[in-house]
Amino acid sequence: MTLRDRILSVFSDSAFRAPVLKLLSGTGVAFIVAYLANIVLLRLYPDEFWGVADYIIAWVSILAPVASLRYEDALMLPKDRRQAAHAFILAIAAVLVSATLLFTFLALSDSALAFFEEKKAGRWMLLVPLALMANRFAKISELWLSRQESFGNISAAQVVQSTSMVSVRIGTGLSTPGPGGLIWGFIAGFGLSTLGMSRRVVLTLRASLEHRPTLREFREVASRYRRFPQFTMPAALISGLITRLPILLIPEFFDMGVAGQYSRGFSILFVPLSLLAAAVAQVFFVRAVEANRSGTLGAFAGNVHARLVLMCFWPTVILMTAGADIFQVLFGEAWRDSASYLGFVAPWILFSVVASPLTRLFDVLERQRLELLATVLMLAVISATLFYGGQTGDIKVTLLALGIGGTVIRLGQIMLLLHLAGTSLTAMIRPYLSYIVWSLPLLGGIFWIATLGMPILTTIAGTIGGLIFYAFIAFREKLI
């Protein structure tokens, strides 16, 4: 078989990897656009503006599961496509009602706006309902198209989302930089992404419904999948709090500049890895349901877990080892502190990203009550570490406590999920031990280069080290 035939066979494969690769093609382009844009954006907007914008976006992320009541998670479960269409409409309607109520509350509540104004975010909070609608409509549409296996449409929408957001942010930053430019870029990105998927969504929705739905049918779907608003929605709300709580609480103990330094470092690692995890999760949900029916869920989940660890491992360890030099080269010396902050929480980010697609196992196995209990425990640990660290008045102590607590609790969640799926303990641990052992020589060399005080040399070494690491692992595990 020629090289060309091998490449084509990968993308024509109808199993798990082909849809993931198709999604990752869009995610990859979106990642490249967003990452390269940071080189410009972090020079256009100071850390205080980033702190305000990320504070607003954190609220959007936290409120997202409440807005839709998580009925979109029921889209994959019914064999009847008409029932799935009802779940889609139910989720969209819930978002519209929630966003309207939230805007009314914020517009009429002087005390709420005064509370946020103390953190320099008061008037920008009025954009949260609009940002919430844009974000939820896009994500619900993506899930609907995942059920239709229209992965090409999703991939294209991800590219539109990234390029639109970057364009608005750079354009505003060149003319009148402020938190508003960053927030409006977020809204424009998801809004145009939804618009790009709308034609395919409408066509497939009409085909699935066949005739006008009735109120009785909506009630039946709402009742059949009531576990999602009862258990999955609170669990997702708490999960969002776990990830975003530092961005909300750091301004309580420190200023928005510190919040911006933390949030940017966090996003530089978390956003690209979470895009990758989201692409895996969309296909994983569909395939995991099938694997559970056929009795192969344990092996399937273990294989996906190992691949997630492989994809996330090097970006995490290299930023922990030489992040300050890399940030200085890419974003300017003003952002070296951001890299040092990231070093404390990078393992937590890695385990959070790996756990994200696997949490779909709670839905597949209908263990939503256990999911809720696990996320409540995680929130308690993260909150305790942040309040303990904040009382010290030292941001590094705060982030060290957060990193340790978050790492332990996320690793526990991953082990629980794989145990529920039927994956062996050996299969859980093997990827971490293997990749740590094989990366140590490269990391040792890069750490030594970093001591020379030449950031550009450290950055080049980190890039080459990553290429060597992934080429070696791919060859060793017969991926190529």
Protein backbone atom coordinates (compact mmCIF):
# COMPACT_ATOMS: atom_id res chain seq x y z
CA MET A 1 0.00 0.00 0.00
CA THR A 2 1.42 3.39 -0.99
CA LEU A 3 1.78 6.32 1.44
CA ARG A 4 -1.08 8.11 -0.32
CA ASP A 5 -3.35 5.07 0.12
CA ARG A 6 -2.43 4.85 3.81
CA ILE A 7 -3.35 8.49 4.39
CA LEU A 8 -6.62 8.16 2.51
CA SER A 9 -7.48 4.97 4.40
CA VAL A 10 -7.14 6.82 7.70
CA PHE A 11 -9.66 9.48 6.67
CA SER A 12 -12.02 7.04 4.98
CA ASP A 13 -12.16 4.76 8.03
CA SER A 14 -15.69 4.74 9.42
CA ALA A 15 -14.61 3.83 12.96
CA PHE A 16 -13.61 6.15 15.77
CA ARG A 17 -10.47 7.73 14.36
CA ALA A 18 -11.94 9.04 11.08
CA PRO A 19 -14.59 11.29 12.70
CA VAL A 20 -12.07 12.46 15.31
CA LEU A 21 -9.53 13.31 12.61
CA LYS A 22 -12.20 15.16 10.67
CA LEU A 23 -13.12 17.18 13.74
CA LEU A 24 -9.47 17.73 14.61
CA SER A 25 -8.83 19.14 11.14
CA GLY A 26 -11.17 22.01 12.03
CA THR A 27 -9.97 22.12 15.62
CA GLY A 28 -6.38 22.20 14.40
CA VAL A 29 -6.98 25.17 12.12
CA ALA A 30 -8.94 26.93 14.87
CA PHE A 31 -6.13 26.26 17.32
CA ILE A 32 -3.44 27.58 14.98
CA VAL A 33 -5.42 30.75 14.26
CA ALA A 34 -6.15 31.38 17.95
CA TYR A 35 -2.62 30.57 19.09
CA LEU A 36 -0.88 32.73 16.52
CA ALA A 37 -3.33 35.53 17.30
CA ASN A 38 -2.20 35.48 20.94
CA ILE A 39 1.20 36.71 19.80
CA VAL A 40 -0.55 39.91 18.68
CA LEU A 41 -3.42 40.06 21.17
CA LEU A 42 -1.29 39.81 24.31
CA ARG A 43 0.64 42.84 23.06
CA LEU A 44 -2.53 44.81 22.25
CA TYR A 45 -4.42 44.24 25.51
CA PRO A 46 -2.80 44.57 28.99
CA ASP A 47 -3.35 41.95 31.69
CA GLU A 48 -6.07 44.03 33.43
CA PHE A 49 -8.29 44.00 30.31
CA TRP A 50 -7.79 40.25 29.98
CA GLY A 51 -8.73 39.86 33.63
CA VAL A 52 -12.06 41.64 33.12
CA ALA A 53 -12.90 39.81 29.87
CA ASP A 54 -12.00 36.38 31.23
CA TYR A 55 -14.03 37.13 34.36
CA ILE A 56 -17.10 37.78 32.18
CA ILE A 57 -16.49 34.71 30.01
CA ALA A 58 -16.03 32.61 33.16
CA TRP A 59 -19.60 33.50 34.16
CA VAL A 60 -20.80 32.43 30.70
CA SER A 61 -19.07 29.07 31.06
CA ILE A 62 -20.49 28.51 34.54
CA LEU A 63 -24.06 29.43 33.58
CA ALA A 64 -24.03 27.44 30.31
CA PRO A 65 -25.37 24.14 31.73
CA VAL A 66 -28.08 25.96 33.70
CA ALA A 67 -29.29 27.79 30.61
CA SER A 68 -30.10 24.62 28.64
CA LEU A 69 -30.87 22.35 31.62
CA ARG A 70 -28.47 19.97 29.82
CA TYR A 71 -31.25 18.53 27.66
CA GLU A 72 -28.80 18.61 24.75
CA ASP A 73 -27.04 15.64 26.39
CA ALA A 74 -30.11 13.54 25.61
CA LEU A 75 -29.63 14.05 21.86
CA MET A 76 -27.51 10.92 21.42
CA LEU A 77 -29.60 8.50 23.47
CA PRO A 78 -32.96 7.99 21.66
CA LYS A 79 -32.97 5.56 18.76
CA ASP A 80 -35.98 7.50 17.46
CA ARG A 81 -34.65 10.57 15.66
CA ARG A 82 -37.91 12.44 16.27
CA GLN A 83 -37.38 12.18 20.03
CA ALA A 84 -33.85 13.48 19.57
CA ALA A 85 -35.23 16.47 17.65
CA HIS A 86 -37.60 17.20 20.53
CA ALA A 87 -34.64 17.20 22.94
CA PHE A 88 -32.83 19.68 20.65
CA ILE A 89 -35.80 22.06 20.58
CA LEU A 90 -36.24 21.70 24.33
CA ALA A 91 -32.59 22.69 24.95
CA ILE A 92 -32.78 25.72 22.59
CA ALA A 93 -36.03 26.93 24.20
CA ALA A 94 -34.51 26.61 27.68
CA VAL A 95 -31.55 28.78 26.62
CA LEU A 96 -33.85 31.50 25.25
CA VAL A 97 -35.90 31.62 28.45
CA SER A 98 -32.84 31.54 30.72
CA ALA A 99 -31.00 34.30 28.85
CA THR A 100 -34.09 36.53 28.91
CA LEU A 101 -34.57 36.06 32.66
CA LEU A 102 -30.87 36.70 33.33
CA PHE A 103 -30.83 39.93 31.32
CA THR A 104 -33.95 41.14 33.11
CA PHE A 105 -32.38 40.42 36.49
CA LEU A 106 -29.09 42.16 35.67
CA ALA A 107 -30.79 45.19 34.08
CA LEU A 108 -33.12 45.74 37.04
CA SER A 109 -30.77 44.84 39.91
CA ASP A 110 -28.64 47.81 40.94
CA SER A 111 -27.07 45.83 43.78
CA ALA A 112 -25.86 43.07 41.43
CA LEU A 113 -24.26 45.56 39.04
CA ALA A 114 -22.70 47.41 41.98
CA PHE A 115 -21.15 44.14 43.20
CA PHE A 116 -19.56 43.51 39.81
CA GLU A 117 -18.59 47.17 39.38
CA GLU A 118 -16.26 46.80 42.37
CA LYS A 119 -14.26 44.41 40.20
CA LYS A 120 -14.40 46.75 37.16
CA ALA A 121 -16.81 44.36 35.42
CA GLY A 122 -20.20 45.97 36.16
CA ARG A 123 -21.46 47.18 32.78
CA TRP A 124 -19.87 44.29 30.91
CA MET A 125 -22.02 41.83 32.87
CA LEU A 126 -25.00 42.96 30.75
CA LEU A 127 -23.36 41.15 27.81
CA VAL A 128 -23.39 37.81 29.64
CA PRO A 129 -26.93 36.79 28.44
CA LEU A 130 -26.05 37.52 24.80
CA ALA A 131 -22.73 35.67 25.09
CA LEU A 132 -24.56 32.80 26.79
CA MET A 133 -27.03 32.46 23.90
CA ALA A 134 -24.27 32.59 21.28
CA ASN A 135 -22.21 29.96 23.08
CA ARG A 136 -25.08 27.56 23.84
CA PHE A 137 -26.67 27.76 20.39
CA ALA A 138 -23.31 26.85 18.83
CA LYS A 139 -22.62 23.96 21.21
CA ILE A 140 -26.13 22.50 20.98
CA SER A 141 -25.95 22.72 17.18
CA GLU A 142 -22.61 20.90 17.26
CA LEU A 143 -24.09 18.09 19.33
CA TRP A 144 -27.07 17.78 16.99
CA LEU A 145 -24.77 17.55 13.97
CA SER A 146 -22.64 14.99 15.83
CA ARG A 147 -25.71 12.76 16.00
CA GLN A 148 -26.11 13.22 12.25
CA GLU A 149 -22.37 12.47 11.93
CA SER A 150 -21.99 15.74 9.99
CA PHE A 151 -18.47 16.15 11.32
CA GLY A 152 -17.35 18.17 8.31
CA ASN A 153 -19.92 20.89 9.12
CA ILE A 154 -18.76 20.98 12.73
CA SER A 155 -15.14 21.24 11.66
CA ALA A 156 -15.90 24.17 9.35
CA ALA A 157 -17.91 25.91 12.09
CA GLN A 158 -14.97 25.66 14.49
CA VAL A 159 -12.76 27.43 11.96
CA VAL A 160 -15.38 30.17 11.51
CA GLN A 161 -15.68 30.58 15.28
CA SER A 162 -11.94 31.00 15.80
CA THR A 163 -11.24 33.29 12.85
CA SER A 164 -14.25 35.52 13.61
CA MET A 165 -13.33 35.93 17.26
CA VAL A 166 -9.71 36.73 16.44
CA SER A 167 -10.63 39.21 13.70
CA VAL A 168 -12.96 41.21 15.94
CA ARG A 169 -10.49 41.23 18.83
CA ILE A 170 -7.54 42.36 16.72
CA GLY A 171 -9.61 44.97 14.88
CA THR A 172 -10.91 46.44 18.13
CA GLY A 173 -7.50 46.24 19.78
CA LEU A 174 -5.88 48.25 16.99
CA SER A 175 -8.50 51.01 17.24
CA THR A 176 -9.87 51.23 20.80
CA PRO A 177 -8.52 48.42 23.00
CA GLY A 178 -10.60 47.56 26.05
CA PRO A 179 -12.35 44.60 27.69
CA GLY A 180 -15.33 45.13 25.35
CA GLY A 181 -13.30 44.18 22.28
CA LEU A 182 -12.36 40.85 23.84
CA ILE A 183 -15.94 40.13 24.92
CA TRP A 184 -17.54 41.13 21.61
CA GLY A 185 -15.00 38.94 19.81
CA PHE A 186 -16.19 35.99 21.89
CA ILE A 187 -19.84 36.70 21.02
CA ALA A 188 -19.13 37.21 17.31
CA GLY A 189 -17.15 33.96 17.08
CA PHE A 190 -19.88 31.72 18.47
CA GLY A 191 -22.66 33.67 16.76
CA LEU A 192 -21.16 33.27 13.29
CA SER A 193 -20.33 29.65 14.03
CA THR A 194 -24.01 28.99 14.76
CA LEU A 195 -25.01 30.79 11.58
CA GLY A 196 -22.63 28.60 9.58
CA MET A 197 -24.24 25.41 10.92
CA SER A 198 -27.82 26.66 10.75
CA ARG A 199 -28.67 25.43 7.24
CA ARG A 200 -27.58 21.86 7.93
CA VAL A 201 -29.24 21.92 11.36
CA VAL A 202 -32.58 23.08 9.92
CA LEU A 203 -32.54 20.52 7.12
CA THR A 204 -31.79 17.57 9.40
CA LEU A 205 -34.21 18.82 12.03
CA ARG A 206 -37.06 18.97 9.53
CA ALA A 207 -36.21 15.50 8.25
CA SER A 208 -36.19 14.13 11.80
CA LEU A 209 -39.46 15.76 12.88
CA GLU A 210 -41.40 14.91 9.68
CA HIS A 211 -44.45 16.75 11.07
CA ARG A 212 -45.19 19.40 13.69
CA PRO A 213 -44.33 18.31 17.25
CA THR A 214 -46.97 18.35 19.96
CA LEU A 215 -46.83 19.62 23.52
CA ARG A 216 -47.47 16.08 24.77
CA GLU A 217 -44.36 14.83 22.99
CA PHE A 218 -42.24 17.56 24.56
CA ARG A 219 -43.58 16.62 27.99
CA GLU A 220 -42.75 12.97 27.37
CA VAL A 221 -39.17 13.77 26.33
CA ALA A 222 -38.72 16.17 29.26
CA SER A 223 -39.95 13.47 31.65
CA ARG A 224 -38.00 10.61 30.03
CA TYR A 225 -34.72 12.51 30.32
CA ARG A 226 -35.41 14.34 33.56
CA ARG A 227 -32.18 12.97 35.01
CA PHE A 228 -30.28 15.51 32.91
CA PRO A 229 -31.74 18.63 34.60
CA GLN A 230 -31.91 16.79 37.94
CA PHE A 231 -28.37 15.43 38.08
CA THR A 232 -26.31 16.21 34.96
CA MET A 233 -27.10 19.94 35.01
CA PRO A 234 -26.03 20.49 38.64
CA ALA A 235 -22.98 18.31 38.03
CA ALA A 236 -22.04 20.33 34.92
CA LEU A 237 -22.62 23.58 36.83
CA ILE A 238 -20.29 22.43 39.58
CA SER A 239 -17.78 21.15 37.01
CA GLY A 240 -17.76 24.59 35.36
CA LEU A 241 -17.25 26.17 38.76
CA ILE A 242 -14.32 23.85 39.43
CA THR A 243 -12.49 25.04 36.32
CA ARG A 244 -13.51 28.71 36.43
CA LEU A 245 -13.65 29.33 40.18
CA PRO A 246 -10.03 30.58 40.34
CA ILE A 247 -10.83 33.31 37.80
CA LEU A 248 -13.82 34.39 39.91
CA LEU A 249 -12.05 34.26 43.28
CA ILE A 250 -8.60 35.63 42.46
CA PRO A 251 -10.06 39.19 42.11
CA GLU A 252 -11.43 38.79 45.65
CA PHE A 253 -7.90 38.49 47.03
CA PHE A 254 -5.76 40.12 44.32
CA ASP A 255 -6.30 42.64 41.49
CA MET A 256 -7.53 42.17 37.92
CA GLY A 257 -3.97 42.34 36.61
CA VAL A 258 -3.05 39.20 38.58
CA ALA A 259 -6.31 37.61 37.42
CA GLY A 260 -5.37 38.39 33.82
CA GLN A 261 -1.90 36.89 34.22
CA TYR A 262 -3.40 33.70 35.65
CA SER A 263 -6.26 33.43 33.17
CA ARG A 264 -4.03 33.90 30.13
CA GLY A 265 -1.52 31.32 31.28
CA PHE A 266 -4.35 28.93 32.08
CA SER A 267 -5.98 29.52 28.68
CA ILE A 268 -2.75 29.13 26.70
CA LEU A 269 -2.63 25.50 27.82
CA PHE A 270 -6.26 24.70 28.62
CA VAL A 271 -8.01 26.10 25.53
CA PRO A 272 -6.10 24.17 22.82
CA LEU A 273 -6.17 20.97 24.86
CA SER A 274 -9.88 21.38 25.64
CA LEU A 275 -10.61 21.91 21.92
CA LEU A 276 -8.92 18.60 21.29
CA ALA A 277 -10.87 16.99 24.13
CA ALA A 278 -14.14 18.43 22.80
CA ALA A 279 -13.47 16.89 19.38
CA VAL A 280 -12.84 13.52 21.02
CA ALA A 281 -15.86 13.88 23.33
CA GLN A 282 -18.31 14.49 20.49
CA VAL A 283 -17.36 11.20 18.81
CA PHE A 284 -16.67 9.36 22.08
CA PHE A 285 -20.26 9.87 23.27
CA VAL A 286 -21.68 8.27 20.12
CA ARG A 287 -19.20 5.37 20.01
CA ALA A 288 -19.29 4.74 23.78
CA VAL A 289 -23.04 4.09 23.62
CA GLU A 290 -22.40 1.52 20.89
CA ALA A 291 -19.46 -0.03 22.79
CA ASN A 292 -21.56 -0.35 25.93
CA ARG A 293 -24.26 -2.22 24.00
CA SER A 294 -21.66 -4.60 22.54
CA GLY A 295 -19.83 -5.17 25.85
CA THR A 296 -16.51 -3.60 24.78
CA LEU A 297 -16.72 -0.35 26.73
CA GLY A 298 -13.78 -1.08 29.05
CA ALA A 299 -11.25 -1.62 26.26
CA PHE A 300 -12.64 1.27 24.24
CA ALA A 301 -12.52 3.76 27.14
CA GLY A 302 -9.01 2.63 28.10
CA ASN A 303 -7.75 3.16 24.55
CA VAL A 304 -9.29 6.65 24.29
CA HIS A 305 -7.84 7.57 27.71
CA ALA A 306 -4.34 6.52 26.64
CA ARG A 307 -4.55 8.58 23.45
CA LEU A 308 -5.79 11.63 25.36
CA VAL A 309 -2.84 11.38 27.75
CA LEU A 310 -0.45 11.10 24.80
CA MET A 311 -1.83 14.20 23.07
CA CYS A 312 -1.84 16.34 26.23
CA PHE A 313 1.38 15.20 27.84
CA TRP A 314 4.15 17.13 26.06
CA PRO A 315 2.49 20.61 25.96
CA THR A 316 1.95 20.30 29.72
CA VAL A 317 5.42 19.17 30.75
CA ILE A 318 7.28 21.56 28.44
CA LEU A 319 5.41 24.59 29.80
CA MET A 320 6.17 23.41 33.33
CA THR A 321 9.85 23.05 32.43
CA ALA A 322 10.52 26.10 30.26
CA GLY A 323 7.27 28.08 30.12
CA ALA A 324 8.72 31.44 31.21
CA ASP A 325 11.21 31.54 28.32
CA ILE A 326 8.58 30.37 25.81
CA PHE A 327 6.07 32.99 26.97
CA GLN A 328 8.71 35.73 26.76
CA VAL A 329 9.53 34.84 23.16
CA LEU A 330 5.92 34.47 22.02
CA PHE A 331 4.08 37.12 24.02
CA GLY A 332 6.64 39.50 25.50
CA GLU A 333 8.51 39.79 28.78
CA ALA A 334 5.41 41.21 30.54
CA TRP A 335 3.88 37.70 30.48
CA ARG A 336 6.69 35.73 32.19
CA ASP A 337 4.69 35.76 35.44
CA SER A 338 1.80 34.17 33.57
CA ALA A 339 3.99 31.18 32.70
CA SER A 340 5.21 30.82 36.29
CA TYR A 341 1.58 30.81 37.49
CA LEU A 342 0.77 28.17 34.87
CA GLY A 343 3.54 25.91 36.15
CA PHE A 344 1.72 25.43 39.46
CA VAL A 345 -1.59 24.34 37.89
CA ALA A 346 -0.46 22.60 34.68
CA PRO A 347 -0.89 19.01 36.03
CA TRP A 348 -4.42 19.91 37.14
CA ILE A 349 -5.15 21.18 33.61
CA LEU A 350 -3.79 17.97 32.06
CA PHE A 351 -5.99 15.71 34.19
CA SER A 352 -9.00 18.00 33.71
CA VAL A 353 -8.69 17.78 29.93
CA VAL A 354 -8.20 14.01 29.97
CA ALA A 355 -11.22 13.59 32.27
CA SER A 356 -13.52 15.83 30.21
CA PRO A 357 -14.47 13.40 27.39
CA LEU A 358 -14.52 10.47 29.81
CA THR A 359 -17.23 12.13 31.93
CA ARG A 360 -19.63 11.11 29.15
CA LEU A 361 -19.37 7.65 30.68
CA PHE A 362 -21.62 8.85 33.51
CA ASP A 363 -24.32 9.52 30.89
CA VAL A 364 -23.69 6.34 28.93
CA LEU A 365 -23.95 4.23 32.09
CA GLU A 366 -26.74 6.45 33.48
CA ARG A 367 -24.80 7.10 36.69
CA GLN A 368 -25.67 10.79 36.91
CA ARG A 369 -26.22 10.67 40.66
CA LEU A 370 -22.65 9.47 41.17
CA GLU A 371 -21.42 12.20 38.80
CA LEU A 372 -23.11 14.82 40.96
CA LEU A 373 -21.53 13.47 44.15
CA ALA A 374 -18.08 13.38 42.55
CA THR A 375 -18.29 16.95 41.29
CA VAL A 376 -19.53 18.24 44.66
CA LEU A 377 -16.44 16.71 46.27
CA MET A 378 -14.20 18.30 43.62
CA LEU A 379 -15.77 21.72 44.17
CA ALA A 380 -15.23 21.44 47.92
CA VAL A 381 -11.53 20.65 47.44
CA ILE A 382 -10.94 23.44 44.88
CA SER A 383 -12.81 26.01 47.00
CA ALA A 384 -10.86 25.05 50.13
CA THR A 385 -7.49 25.38 48.39
CA LEU A 386 -8.37 28.77 46.92
CA PHE A 387 -9.64 30.22 50.20
CA TYR A 388 -6.63 28.84 52.08
CA GLY A 389 -4.20 30.28 49.54
CA GLY A 390 -6.03 33.59 49.24
CA GLN A 391 -5.76 34.18 52.98
CA THR A 392 -1.96 34.03 52.71
CA GLY A 393 -1.90 37.00 50.32
CA ASP A 394 0.62 35.15 48.12
CA ILE A 395 -0.59 34.24 44.62
CA LYS A 396 2.07 31.53 44.21
CA VAL A 397 1.06 29.79 47.44
CA THR A 398 -2.57 30.04 46.30
CA LEU A 399 -1.84 28.43 42.94
CA LEU A 400 0.41 25.75 44.43
CA ALA A 401 -2.40 24.68 46.78
CA LEU A 402 -4.85 24.78 43.86
CA GLY A 403 -2.56 22.71 41.65
CA ILE A 404 -2.03 19.99 44.24
CA GLY A 405 -5.69 19.75 45.25
CA GLY A 406 -6.94 19.87 41.67
CA THR A 407 -4.49 17.23 40.44
CA VAL A 408 -5.40 14.74 43.17
CA ILE A 409 -9.15 15.14 42.76
CA ARG A 410 -9.16 14.99 38.93
CA LEU A 411 -6.94 11.92 38.89
CA GLY A 412 -9.37 10.27 41.27
CA GLN A 413 -12.25 11.10 38.93
CA ILE A 414 -10.44 9.52 35.96
CA MET A 415 -9.77 6.34 37.90
CA LEU A 416 -13.41 6.16 38.98
CA LEU A 417 -14.70 6.58 35.43
CA LEU A 418 -12.40 3.96 33.96
CA HIS A 419 -13.26 1.57 36.77
CA LEU A 420 -16.98 2.02 36.00
CA ALA A 421 -16.29 1.34 32.32
CA GLY A 422 -14.43 -1.88 33.17
CA THR A 423 -10.89 -0.73 32.34
CA SER A 424 -8.10 -2.47 34.27
CA LEU A 425 -5.89 -0.56 36.72
CA THR A 426 -2.81 -1.47 34.69
CA ALA A 427 -4.30 0.07 31.56
CA MET A 428 -5.12 3.24 33.55
CA ILE A 429 -1.59 3.75 34.87
CA ARG A 430 0.55 2.55 31.96
CA PRO A 431 0.28 5.68 29.72
CA TYR A 432 1.49 8.06 32.44
CA LEU A 433 4.47 5.94 33.49
CA SER A 434 5.47 5.21 29.91
CA TYR A 435 5.41 8.82 28.71
CA ILE A 436 7.19 10.15 31.81
CA VAL A 437 10.04 7.67 31.38
CA TRP A 438 10.51 8.32 27.68
CA SER A 439 10.35 12.12 28.03
CA LEU A 440 12.85 12.52 30.90
CA PRO A 441 16.04 12.69 28.76
CA LEU A 442 14.51 15.36 26.51
CA LEU A 443 13.18 17.40 29.45
CA GLY A 444 16.54 17.24 31.21
CA GLY A 445 18.27 18.67 28.15
CA ILE A 446 15.71 21.43 27.72
CA PHE A 447 15.94 22.37 31.40
CA TRP A 448 19.72 22.69 31.05
CA ILE A 449 19.30 24.90 27.97
CA ALA A 450 16.88 27.11 29.92
CA THR A 451 19.61 27.83 32.48
CA LEU A 452 21.70 29.49 29.74
CA GLY A 453 19.42 32.56 29.77
CA MET A 454 18.60 32.48 26.05
CA PRO A 455 14.78 32.26 25.73
CA ILE A 456 14.78 31.83 21.96
CA LEU A 457 17.10 28.83 22.26
CA THR A 458 14.86 27.29 24.93
CA THR A 459 11.80 27.75 22.70
CA ILE A 460 13.50 26.08 19.73
CA ALA A 461 14.68 23.22 21.93
CA GLY A 462 11.17 22.71 23.30
CA THR A 463 9.71 22.56 19.79
CA ILE A 464 12.31 20.08 18.56
CA GLY A 465 11.93 18.04 21.74
CA GLY A 466 8.18 17.77 21.14
CA LEU A 467 8.68 16.56 17.57
CA ILE A 468 11.19 13.94 18.72
CA PHE A 469 8.94 12.78 21.57
CA TYR A 470 5.82 12.33 19.44
CA ALA A 471 7.74 10.74 16.55
CA PHE A 472 9.32 8.24 18.94
CA ILE A 473 6.04 7.40 20.70
CA ALA A 474 4.20 7.07 17.39
CA PHE A 475 6.86 4.67 16.09
CA ARG A 476 7.09 2.73 19.36
CA GLU A 477 3.33 2.25 19.64
CA LYS A 478 3.00 1.47 15.93
CA LEU A 479 0.88 4.52 15.20
CA ILE A 480 2.97 4.98 12.05
